[in-house]
C-alpha atoms as a PDB file:
ATOM      1  CA  MET A   1      -6.600   6.553 -15.823  1.00  0.00           C
ATOM      2  CA  VAL A   2      -9.133   7.044 -13.042  1.00  0.00           C
ATOM      3  CA  VAL A   3      -7.964   4.099 -11.179  1.00  0.00           C
ATOM      4  CA  LEU A   4      -4.318   5.441 -11.164  1.00  0.00           C
ATOM      5  CA  THR A   5      -5.645   8.808 -10.048  1.00  0.00           C
ATOM      6  CA  GLU A   6      -7.492   7.276  -7.137  1.00  0.00           C
ATOM      7  CA  ILE A   7      -4.650   5.234  -6.192  1.00  0.00           C
ATOM      8  CA  GLY A   8      -2.452   8.271  -6.216  1.00  0.00           C
ATOM      9  CA  LEU A   9      -4.645  10.297  -3.944  1.00  0.00           C
ATOM     10  CA  ILE A  10      -4.484   7.833  -1.063  1.00  0.00           C
ATOM     11  CA  THR A  11      -0.788   7.011  -1.434  1.00  0.00           C
ATOM     12  CA  PRO A  12       2.165   8.603  -0.188  1.00  0.00           C
ATOM     13  CA  PRO A  13       4.209  10.956  -0.929  1.00  0.00           C
ATOM     14  CA  ILE A  14       1.179  12.895  -2.297  1.00  0.00           C
ATOM     15  CA  GLY A  15      -1.927  11.352  -0.288  1.00  0.00           C
ATOM     16  CA  MET A  16      -4.109  14.228  -0.654  1.00  0.00           C
ATOM     17  CA  ASN A  17      -7.235  12.493   0.637  1.00  0.00           C
ATOM     18  CA  VAL A  18      -5.235  11.369   3.800  1.00  0.00           C
ATOM     19  CA  PHE A  19      -4.244  15.017   4.740  1.00  0.00           C
ATOM     20  CA  VAL A  20      -7.840  16.234   4.149  1.00  0.00           C
ATOM     21  CA  LEU A  21      -8.816  13.151   6.498  1.00  0.00           C
ATOM     22  CA  LYS A  22      -6.185  14.413   8.883  1.00  0.00           C
ATOM     23  CA  ALA A  23      -7.503  17.778   8.882  1.00  0.00           C
ATOM     24  CA  ASN A  24     -10.889  16.753  10.124  1.00  0.00           C
ATOM     25  CA  LEU A  25      -9.596  14.207  12.697  1.00  0.00           C
ATOM     26  CA  PRO A  26      -6.414  15.840  14.073  1.00  0.00           C
ATOM     27  CA  GLN A  27      -6.240  13.362  17.047  1.00  0.00           C
ATOM     28  CA  VAL A  28      -5.640  10.461  14.765  1.00  0.00           C
ATOM     29  CA  PRO A  29      -1.838  10.226  13.600  1.00  0.00           C
ATOM     30  CA  VAL A  30      -1.091  10.316   9.933  1.00  0.00           C
ATOM     31  CA  GLY A  31       0.714   6.765   9.901  1.00  0.00           C
ATOM     32  CA  LYS A  32      -2.223   5.204  11.489  1.00  0.00           C
ATOM     33  CA  ILE A  33      -4.096   6.370   8.381  1.00  0.00           C
ATOM     34  CA  PHE A  34      -1.767   5.408   6.091  1.00  0.00           C
ATOM     35  CA  LYS A  35      -1.987   1.673   8.052  1.00  0.00           C
ATOM     36  CA  GLY A  36      -5.565   1.577   7.570  1.00  0.00           C
ATOM     37  CA  LEU A  37      -5.576   2.315   4.102  1.00  0.00           C
ATOM     38  CA  VAL A  38      -3.165  -0.721   3.335  1.00  0.00           C
ATOM     39  CA  PRO A  39      -6.071  -3.181   2.525  1.00  0.00           C
ATOM     40  CA  PHE A  40      -7.780  -0.536   0.025  1.00  0.00           C
ATOM     41  CA  ILE A  41      -4.374  -0.139  -1.690  1.00  0.00           C
ATOM     42  CA  ALA A  42      -3.941  -3.770  -2.023  1.00  0.00           C
ATOM     43  CA  VAL A  43      -7.539  -4.110  -3.455  1.00  0.00           C
ATOM     44  CA  ASP A  44      -6.827  -1.298  -5.841  1.00  0.00           C
ATOM     45  CA  VAL A  45      -3.422  -2.689  -6.945  1.00  0.00           C
ATOM     46  CA  VAL A  46      -5.155  -6.032  -7.838  1.00  0.00           C
ATOM     47  CA  ARG A  47      -8.090  -4.139  -9.616  1.00  0.00           C
ATOM     48  CA  LEU A  48      -5.593  -2.210 -11.629  1.00  0.00           C
ATOM     49  CA  ALA A  49      -3.622  -5.121 -12.652  1.00  0.00           C
ATOM     50  CA  LEU A  50      -6.969  -6.901 -13.831  1.00  0.00           C
ATOM     51  CA  LEU A  51      -7.823  -3.914 -15.581  1.00  0.00           C
ATOM     52  CA  VAL A  52      -4.292  -3.926 -17.605  1.00  0.00           C
ATOM     53  CA  SER A  53      -4.309  -7.796 -18.174  1.00  0.00           C
ATOM     54  CA  PHE A  54      -7.723  -7.884 -19.391  1.00  0.00           C
ATOM     55  CA  PRO A  55      -8.622  -4.170 -20.828  1.00  0.00           C
ATOM     56  CA  ALA A  56     -12.198  -5.418 -22.274  1.00  0.00           C
ATOM     57  CA  ILE A  57     -13.587  -5.533 -18.528  1.00  0.00           C
ATOM     58  CA  SER A  58     -13.051  -1.695 -18.691  1.00  0.00           C
ATOM     59  CA  LEU A  59     -15.659  -1.497 -21.800  1.00  0.00           C
ATOM     60  CA  LEU A  60     -18.166  -4.407 -20.509  1.00  0.00           C
ATOM     61  CA  LEU A  61     -20.540  -1.781 -19.095  1.00  0.00           C
ATOM     62  CA  VAL A  62     -20.358   0.128 -22.170  1.00  0.00           C
ATOM     63  CA  ARG A  63     -21.294  -2.877 -24.179  1.00  0.00           C
ATOM     64  CA  MET A  64     -24.293  -3.828 -21.712  1.00  0.00           C
ATOM     65  CA  MET A  65     -25.490  -0.355 -22.253  1.00  0.00           C
ATOM     66  CA  ASN A  66     -26.002  -0.727 -26.020  1.00  0.00           C
END
């Protein structure tokens, strides 16, 4: 759920983190910010696919703590 929320905060149409960045850097166009996010979105989607395919990964750290 955290991974999905993270992806939602950087992708259009919501992209709340992008608009916070835009407010801090008004000289940078929103399109350029979204273009810079493409590699991060791709990696997040791969990570999400791994977590969905192998749910035991999400519990690995919990098991290591016990």
